Protein backbone atom coordinates (compact mmCIF):
# COMPACT_ATOMS: atom_id res chain seq x y z
CA MET A 1 107.63 97.75 107.49
CA SER A 2 106.76 99.12 104.03
CA LYS A 3 105.80 96.94 101.12
CA ASN A 4 109.03 97.70 99.21
CA ILE A 5 111.24 96.79 102.17
CA SER A 6 109.29 93.57 102.69
CA HIS A 7 109.66 92.64 99.01
CA ASN A 8 113.37 93.49 99.01
CA LEU A 9 114.03 91.32 102.05
CA LEU A 10 112.14 88.41 100.50
CA MET A 11 113.99 88.81 97.18
CA GLU A 12 117.35 89.06 98.96
CA GLY A 13 116.58 85.86 100.84
CA GLU A 14 115.72 84.07 97.59
CA GLU A 15 118.90 85.45 96.00
CA ILE A 16 121.09 84.07 98.79
CA LYS A 17 119.36 80.67 98.61
CA GLY A 18 120.03 80.59 94.88
CA LEU A 19 123.67 81.56 95.32
CA LYS A 20 124.24 78.83 97.92
CA LEU A 21 123.27 76.28 95.28
CA PHE A 22 124.78 78.09 92.29
CA LEU A 23 128.31 78.70 93.62
CA PRO A 24 129.13 75.05 94.51
CA LEU A 25 127.72 73.90 91.17
CA PHE A 26 129.67 76.56 89.29
CA TYR A 27 133.06 75.63 90.76
CA LEU A 28 132.29 71.91 90.64
CA PHE A 29 131.61 72.06 86.90
CA PHE A 30 134.20 74.76 86.14
CA ILE A 31 137.08 72.88 87.73
CA GLY A 32 135.72 69.33 87.56
CA PHE A 33 135.03 69.44 83.82
CA ASP A 34 138.60 70.44 82.99
CA LEU A 35 140.06 67.88 85.41
CA ILE A 36 138.11 65.15 83.62
CA TYR A 37 138.83 66.52 80.13
CA TYR A 38 142.55 67.25 80.56
CA TYR A 39 143.58 64.61 83.11
CA ILE A 40 141.21 61.66 83.56
CA PHE A 41 140.32 61.03 79.88
CA PRO A 42 143.94 61.37 78.70
CA TYR A 43 145.09 59.07 81.51
CA PHE A 44 142.85 56.21 80.38
CA ASN A 45 143.64 56.87 76.72
CA ASN A 46 147.39 56.95 77.35
CA GLU A 47 147.60 60.56 76.11
CA GLN A 48 149.52 63.55 77.44
CA LEU A 49 148.08 64.92 80.66
CA GLY A 50 147.54 68.62 81.43
CA PHE A 51 146.32 71.82 79.88
CA SER A 52 147.28 73.11 76.47
CA ASP A 53 150.62 74.92 76.43
CA LYS A 54 149.08 77.76 74.44
CA GLY A 55 146.29 78.67 76.84
CA LEU A 56 146.21 80.22 80.29
CA GLY A 57 146.86 76.83 81.85
CA PHE A 58 146.70 76.89 85.65
CA TRP A 59 145.71 80.57 85.59
CA TYR A 60 142.50 79.73 83.75
CA HIS A 61 140.98 78.63 87.06
CA SER A 62 143.12 80.67 89.43
CA LEU A 63 141.90 83.99 88.01
CA LEU A 64 138.39 83.28 89.26
CA LEU A 65 139.38 82.50 92.87
CA PRO A 66 139.42 86.21 93.90
CA ILE A 67 135.83 86.42 92.57
CA LEU A 68 134.88 83.53 94.87
CA PHE A 69 136.35 85.25 97.96
CA LEU A 70 134.70 88.55 97.05
CA SER A 71 131.37 86.76 96.59
CA LEU A 72 131.58 85.03 99.96
CA TYR A 73 132.29 88.39 101.59
CA LEU A 74 129.28 90.03 99.89
CA ILE A 75 126.96 87.17 100.86
CA LYS A 76 128.15 87.05 104.46
CA ASN A 77 127.66 90.80 104.92
CA ARG A 78 124.54 90.97 102.71
CA VAL A 79 126.13 93.70 100.63
CA ARG A 80 124.97 93.92 97.01
CA VAL A 81 124.45 90.17 96.78
CA TYR A 82 122.67 90.67 93.45
CA ILE A 83 125.95 91.34 91.63
CA VAL A 84 127.55 88.00 92.59
CA LYS A 85 126.00 86.07 89.71
CA TYR A 86 126.95 88.81 87.25
CA LEU A 87 130.54 88.84 88.55
CA HIS A 88 130.90 85.12 87.86
CA LEU A 89 129.30 85.26 84.43
CA ILE A 90 131.32 88.25 83.21
CA SER A 91 134.57 86.94 84.72
CA PHE A 92 134.12 83.51 83.14
CA ILE A 93 133.36 84.93 79.69
CA ILE A 94 136.39 87.24 79.80
CA VAL A 95 138.78 84.53 81.03
CA ASP A 96 137.42 81.97 78.55
CA CYS A 97 137.72 84.39 75.63
CA ILE A 98 141.34 85.19 76.57
CA ASN A 99 142.11 81.46 76.87
CA ASN A 100 140.54 80.70 73.48
CA PHE A 101 142.39 83.59 71.86
CA LEU A 102 145.76 82.32 73.15
CA ILE A 103 145.02 78.76 71.95
CA TYR A 104 143.47 79.30 68.52
CA TYR A 105 144.38 82.73 67.19
CA GLY A 106 146.94 82.56 64.36
CA THR A 107 146.70 78.76 64.06
CA ASN A 108 145.03 76.45 61.58
CA SER A 109 143.39 74.44 64.33
CA ASP A 110 139.60 74.26 64.15
CA PHE A 111 137.89 75.88 67.13
CA ASN A 112 136.82 73.14 69.54
CA ASN A 113 136.50 74.44 73.05
CA GLY A 114 133.90 75.00 75.74
CA ASN A 115 133.09 74.28 79.35
CA ALA A 116 130.22 72.46 81.04
CA VAL A 117 129.86 75.40 83.39
CA GLU A 118 128.04 77.19 80.55
CA LEU A 119 125.22 74.70 81.08
CA VAL A 120 125.11 75.72 84.76
CA PHE A 121 124.76 79.37 83.79
CA ILE A 122 121.82 78.73 81.46
CA LEU A 123 120.01 75.84 83.15
CA PHE A 124 120.24 77.31 86.65
CA SER A 125 119.49 80.95 85.76
CA PRO A 126 115.80 80.46 86.81
CA LEU A 127 117.10 80.01 90.39
CA PHE A 128 117.44 83.78 90.64
CA ILE A 129 113.96 84.51 89.24
CA ASN A 130 115.39 87.42 87.28
CA LYS A 131 114.56 87.78 83.57
CA LYS A 132 117.19 90.49 83.14
CA TYR A 133 119.90 88.11 84.35
CA PHE A 134 118.50 85.30 82.18
CA TRP A 135 118.80 87.37 79.00
CA PHE A 136 122.20 88.66 80.09
CA THR A 137 123.36 85.05 80.45
CA VAL A 138 121.89 83.84 77.15
CA VAL A 139 123.27 86.76 75.16
CA GLY A 140 126.65 86.46 76.92
CA ILE A 141 127.14 82.71 76.35
CA ILE A 142 125.76 82.54 72.81
CA GLY A 143 127.45 85.84 71.92
CA LYS A 144 130.79 84.34 73.02
CA TYR A 145 130.39 81.51 70.50
CA VAL A 146 129.25 83.86 67.74
CA ALA A 147 132.32 86.04 68.32
CA SER A 148 134.59 82.97 68.44
CA GLY A 149 133.15 81.67 65.16
CA ILE A 150 133.81 85.00 63.46
CA VAL A 151 137.31 85.53 64.88
CA PHE A 152 138.54 81.95 64.35
CA GLN A 153 136.60 81.39 61.10
CA SER A 154 134.95 78.24 62.44
CA LEU A 155 131.52 76.75 61.78
CA THR A 156 131.74 74.24 64.61
CA VAL A 157 130.35 76.91 66.95
CA LEU A 158 126.94 76.46 65.27
CA THR A 159 126.43 73.24 67.24
CA ALA A 160 126.94 75.01 70.57
CA ILE A 161 124.81 77.97 69.45
CA GLY A 162 121.94 75.66 68.43
CA LEU A 163 122.15 73.62 71.64
CA TYR A 164 122.22 76.65 73.93
CA SER A 165 119.40 78.32 72.00
CA LEU A 166 117.20 75.26 72.51
CA LEU A 167 118.11 75.04 76.21
CA SER A 168 117.40 78.76 76.59
CA ILE A 169 113.85 78.29 75.29
CA LEU A 170 113.19 75.46 77.73
CA THR A 171 114.79 77.41 80.58
CA TYR A 172 112.72 80.50 79.80
CA ILE A 173 109.52 78.47 80.14
CA LEU A 174 110.72 77.29 83.55
CA LEU A 175 111.71 80.85 84.52
CA THR A 176 108.23 82.11 83.63
CA ARG A 177 106.73 79.56 86.00
CA PHE A 178 109.14 80.60 88.76
CA CYS A 179 108.27 84.29 88.25
CA SER A 180 104.56 83.48 88.46
CA ASN A 181 105.10 81.55 91.68
CA LEU A 182 107.16 84.42 93.16
CA ALA A 183 104.45 86.95 92.24
CA SER A 184 101.91 84.79 94.08
CA ARG A 185 104.18 84.59 97.12
CA LEU A 186 104.73 88.36 97.16
CA LYS A 187 100.98 88.94 96.90
CA LEU A 188 100.32 86.51 99.74
CA ASN A 189 103.06 88.17 101.80
CA ASP A 190 101.44 91.58 101.25
CA GLU A 191 98.02 90.25 102.22
CA LEU A 192 99.37 88.68 105.40
CA ARG A 193 101.26 91.86 106.30
CA ARG A 194 98.19 93.97 105.69
CA SER A 195 95.97 91.58 107.66
CA GLU A 196 98.35 91.77 110.62
CA GLN A 197 98.37 95.57 110.46
CA LEU A 198 94.58 95.74 110.26
CA ALA A 199 94.22 93.30 113.14
CA THR A 200 96.59 95.37 115.29
CA VAL A 201 94.87 98.64 114.44
CA GLY A 202 91.46 97.01 114.91
CA GLN A 203 92.32 95.81 118.41
CA LEU A 204 93.69 99.24 119.27
CA ALA A 205 90.60 100.94 117.84
CA THR A 206 88.17 98.76 119.75
CA SER A 207 89.93 99.30 123.05
CA ILE A 208 90.33 103.09 122.92
CA THR A 209 87.39 104.40 120.88
CA HIS A 210 84.74 104.04 123.56
CA GLU A 211 87.11 105.38 126.20
CA ILE A 212 87.54 108.57 124.17
CA ARG A 213 83.88 108.98 123.23
CA ASN A 214 82.65 109.86 126.74
CA PRO A 215 85.09 112.70 127.51
CA LEU A 216 84.71 113.92 123.92
CA THR A 217 80.94 114.25 124.37
CA SER A 218 81.50 116.17 127.58
CA LEU A 219 83.96 118.51 125.87
CA LYS A 220 81.50 119.20 123.05
CA GLY A 221 78.77 119.99 125.57
CA LEU A 222 81.01 122.29 127.62
CA THR A 223 82.14 124.07 124.46
CA GLN A 224 78.52 124.81 123.54
CA LEU A 225 77.84 126.15 127.06
CA GLN A 226 80.93 128.34 127.00
CA LYS A 227 79.95 129.65 123.57
CA LYS A 228 76.60 130.83 124.95
CA LYS A 229 78.20 132.29 128.07
CA TYR A 230 81.03 134.13 126.28
CA PRO A 231 79.82 134.86 122.73
CA GLU A 232 82.61 137.43 122.20
CA ASP A 233 85.07 134.53 121.81
CA ASN A 234 83.02 132.95 119.04
CA GLU A 235 86.02 132.47 116.70
CA TYR A 236 87.84 130.33 119.26
CA TYR A 237 84.75 128.20 119.86
CA ARG A 238 84.43 127.61 116.13
CA ILE A 239 88.01 126.31 115.99
CA MET A 240 87.43 124.15 119.06
CA SER A 241 84.22 122.70 117.59
CA ASN A 242 85.92 121.93 114.27
CA GLU A 243 88.80 120.15 115.99
CA LEU A 244 86.41 118.15 118.17
CA GLU A 245 84.50 117.14 115.04
CA ARG A 246 87.80 116.10 113.47
CA ILE A 247 88.53 113.88 116.48
CA ASN A 248 85.03 112.46 116.19
CA SER A 249 85.60 111.70 112.50
CA ILE A 250 88.83 109.86 113.34
CA LEU A 251 86.98 107.80 115.93
CA ASP A 252 84.35 106.91 113.33
CA ASP A 253 87.14 105.61 111.10
CA LEU A 254 88.59 103.59 113.96
CA ILE A 255 85.20 102.03 114.73
CA VAL A 256 84.91 100.83 111.14
CA ILE A 257 88.38 99.26 111.35
CA GLY A 258 87.58 97.50 114.61
CA ARG A 259 84.17 96.23 113.52
CA PRO A 260 84.45 92.59 112.38
CA SER A 261 81.48 92.63 109.98
CA MET A 262 78.66 94.79 108.63
CA ASP A 263 74.98 94.51 107.71
CA TYR A 264 73.82 94.67 104.10
CA ALA A 265 70.57 95.83 102.53
CA LYS A 266 69.40 96.62 99.00
CA ASN A 267 70.15 100.23 98.07
CA ASN A 268 69.76 102.35 94.96
CA LEU A 269 73.32 103.01 93.78
CA GLN A 270 72.33 106.04 91.73
CA GLU A 271 70.73 107.69 94.76
CA LEU A 272 73.84 106.94 96.88
CA ILE A 273 76.15 108.56 94.33
CA GLU A 274 73.93 111.58 93.76
CA TYR A 275 73.56 112.08 97.52
CA VAL A 276 77.34 112.10 97.99
CA ILE A 277 77.88 114.45 95.04
CA ALA A 278 75.24 116.82 96.46
CA ILE A 279 77.02 116.85 99.84
CA MET A 280 80.41 117.47 98.26
CA ASN A 281 79.04 120.27 96.08
CA HIS A 282 77.47 121.85 99.15
CA HIS A 283 80.76 121.71 101.07
CA ASN A 284 82.88 122.78 98.10
CA GLY A 285 84.29 125.78 99.93
CA MET A 286 87.69 125.75 98.22
CA GLU A 287 89.22 128.99 96.98
CA HIS A 288 89.03 127.61 93.44
CA PRO A 289 85.90 125.42 93.29
CA VAL A 290 86.02 122.01 91.63
CA ALA A 291 83.28 121.08 89.16
CA ILE A 292 81.98 117.55 89.71
CA ILE A 293 80.81 116.04 86.41
CA LYS A 294 78.74 112.89 86.78
CA GLU A 295 77.95 110.27 84.17
CA LEU A 296 75.52 107.71 85.53
CA GLU A 297 74.29 104.88 83.35
CA GLU A 298 70.52 104.50 83.17
CA ASP A 299 68.74 101.63 84.94
CA LEU A 300 71.52 100.95 87.40
CA PRO A 301 70.65 97.93 89.56
CA GLU A 302 70.04 98.03 93.27
CA ILE A 303 73.03 96.58 95.11
CA GLU A 304 73.29 94.82 98.43
CA CYS A 305 75.53 96.99 100.56
CA ASN A 306 75.92 99.00 103.73
CA ALA A 307 74.79 102.40 102.46
CA GLN A 308 76.37 104.41 105.28
CA HIS A 309 79.77 102.85 104.78
CA LEU A 310 79.72 103.15 100.99
CA LYS A 311 78.83 106.83 101.35
CA GLN A 312 81.89 107.17 103.57
CA VAL A 313 84.06 105.57 100.85
CA PHE A 314 82.70 107.80 98.08
CA ILE A 315 83.08 110.93 100.23
CA ASN A 316 86.70 110.02 101.06
CA ILE A 317 87.63 109.41 97.42
CA ILE A 318 85.82 112.45 95.99
CA LYS A 319 87.22 114.65 98.76
CA ASN A 320 90.75 113.42 98.02
CA GLY A 321 90.22 114.12 94.32
CA MET A 322 89.01 117.65 95.03
CA GLU A 323 91.91 118.34 97.39
CA ALA A 324 94.30 117.18 94.67
CA MET A 325 93.19 120.22 92.59
CA PRO A 326 93.80 123.27 94.84
CA THR A 327 93.68 125.57 91.80
CA GLY A 328 90.34 124.15 90.65
CA GLY A 329 89.45 121.75 87.88
CA LYS A 330 87.03 119.00 86.98
CA LEU A 331 86.28 115.79 88.83
CA PHE A 332 84.61 113.06 86.78
CA VAL A 333 82.35 110.48 88.42
CA LYS A 334 81.22 107.65 86.16
CA VAL A 335 79.01 104.72 87.17
CA LYS A 336 78.09 101.82 84.90
CA ARG A 337 76.96 98.22 85.02
CA LEU A 338 79.66 95.72 84.01
CA ASP A 339 77.28 92.77 83.79
CA ASP A 340 74.40 91.28 85.76
CA ASN A 341 76.62 90.72 88.79
CA TYR A 342 78.93 93.74 89.02
CA VAL A 343 78.91 97.54 88.81
CA GLN A 344 81.85 99.90 88.36
CA ILE A 345 82.36 103.35 89.86
CA THR A 346 85.18 105.49 88.46
CA VAL A 347 86.40 108.77 89.96
CA ARG A 348 88.98 110.73 87.96
CA ASP A 349 90.62 114.03 88.89
CA GLU A 350 92.92 116.43 87.04
CA GLY A 351 95.36 116.91 89.89
CA ASP A 352 99.11 116.41 90.13
CA GLY A 353 98.85 112.64 90.45
CA ILE A 354 100.53 110.29 92.92
CA SER A 355 104.15 109.16 92.82
CA LYS A 356 104.85 105.48 92.23
CA GLU A 357 106.28 105.11 95.74
CA ASN A 358 103.17 106.54 97.41
CA LEU A 359 100.86 104.65 95.06
CA GLU A 360 102.20 101.34 96.36
CA LEU A 361 101.54 102.39 99.97
CA LEU A 362 97.94 103.54 99.54
CA GLY A 363 95.69 101.89 102.11
CA ASP A 364 98.52 101.14 104.53
CA PRO A 365 97.74 102.14 108.13
CA PHE A 366 98.67 105.75 108.93
CA HIS A 367 100.32 106.36 105.55
CA THR A 368 99.44 109.85 104.32
CA THR A 369 100.90 112.59 102.14
CA LYS A 370 98.76 115.31 103.73
CA SER A 371 100.19 117.56 106.41
CA GLU A 372 97.03 117.19 108.52
CA GLY A 373 96.06 113.68 107.44
CA THR A 374 95.92 110.57 109.61
CA GLY A 375 96.15 107.92 106.89
CA LEU A 376 92.95 106.30 108.18
CA GLY A 377 90.56 107.51 105.48
CA LEU A 378 91.87 105.38 102.64
CA MET A 379 92.62 102.50 104.97
CA VAL A 380 88.98 102.49 106.04
CA SER A 381 87.83 102.81 102.42
CA PHE A 382 89.92 99.80 101.38
CA LYS A 383 88.55 97.77 104.27
CA ILE A 384 84.93 98.69 103.48
CA ILE A 385 85.31 97.71 99.82
CA GLU A 386 86.98 94.48 100.91
CA GLU A 387 84.08 93.77 103.30
CA HIS A 388 81.74 94.25 100.33
CA HIS A 389 83.75 91.64 98.38
CA GLY A 390 84.70 94.31 95.85
CA GLU A 391 87.88 95.71 94.39
CA ILE A 392 89.46 99.17 94.50
CA LYS A 393 92.29 100.19 92.19
CA TYR A 394 94.33 103.38 91.84
CA ASP A 395 95.94 104.45 88.55
CA SER A 396 97.97 107.62 88.54
CA ASP A 397 100.55 109.48 86.48
CA GLU A 398 102.39 112.36 88.08
CA GLY A 399 101.19 115.59 86.51
CA LYS A 400 98.22 113.94 84.81
CA GLY A 401 95.81 113.13 87.64
CA THR A 402 94.50 110.04 89.37
CA THR A 403 91.77 107.53 88.51
CA VAL A 404 90.11 105.43 91.20
CA THR A 405 88.15 102.41 90.02
CA ILE A 406 85.79 100.54 92.34
CA ILE A 407 84.07 97.32 91.35
CA LEU A 408 81.21 96.12 93.55
CA PRO A 409 79.07 92.98 93.38
CA VAL A 410 75.34 93.47 92.97
CA HIS A 411 74.60 90.66 95.43
CA GLN A 412 76.38 89.67 98.64
CA TYR A 413 76.78 85.95 99.21
């Protein structure tokens, strides 16, 4: 399951939970407030019972019943549940404006109308953890009173505008906290999903890698013997050898995934980077060669790391950057010390960049945009950096290239 699908399912679940609380409160306040205002209070004060003759009367509430049935249908079938809250807000504002117009327009009566359900809209908007809906609600409710004040030439709306403005500020603070909590939950959900994927792939890797190694070694040996025996078919042997090496490379990636831990030793970071750049320059057999431009800060510290694995990471990232520029270009490698405890390695290419959708899936098992890729290279790179207690970040704009930033600790604890 992709990250976006996982997030959407989680958000849809939160939306439905919010609606299950919001809808009963909405109709309780919407109908209950008017029952108290037009029937219970007048009854105890010996006043006339019922709605104003000039308004919508019974239809004021009846017009929203079809919205309730439509909402229940959408929630039950999980179809566009996100529009339910907007349907209720827009429908209420329209019906309330029509009701107010029928009661007050063309009269000398001072505007004095409202409904407690407006408090539900504002105070409970954080339930949906949606800032767009929050601002839509605030502008809709306050805008209704501003419009009423202008149309009916009434200053009494200033009290409602002031009250709702103050409540909106307090509600926004609460909404910010909710959004922060949701972001933490989504991050935790991603980490758990990724951990489960890595664990599954790791178990698979451990069980099959050694089983494949033995026949692979035999095949490589037989290929060499056949090459000596039938040298006229040299081109075919070259293809066979390359493909066997490709299988071997995939197995190396799988071993890294399945290995629970790694050994660290002090290594010269500058030498590691220069070694990798030298290898990549040597194997730069592209039709349009890529120029690797390095910028290494002087006096870089030695870092505790697994040199072999870090070389694998740097080769993967530089190779990806070079392959992103099939027509040639420049690849920039910059290494600097952040402070006494961390160093930063940046690799930037001038390729076509990565789409937002693919950027979010980088590092996921078997996700690749290459026709001959396996999706294991970046997955292994992410795992190695994670094992080194570091960070790896991709920034990319389509058409402008990609920047990979790696931050590594100097010491492993």
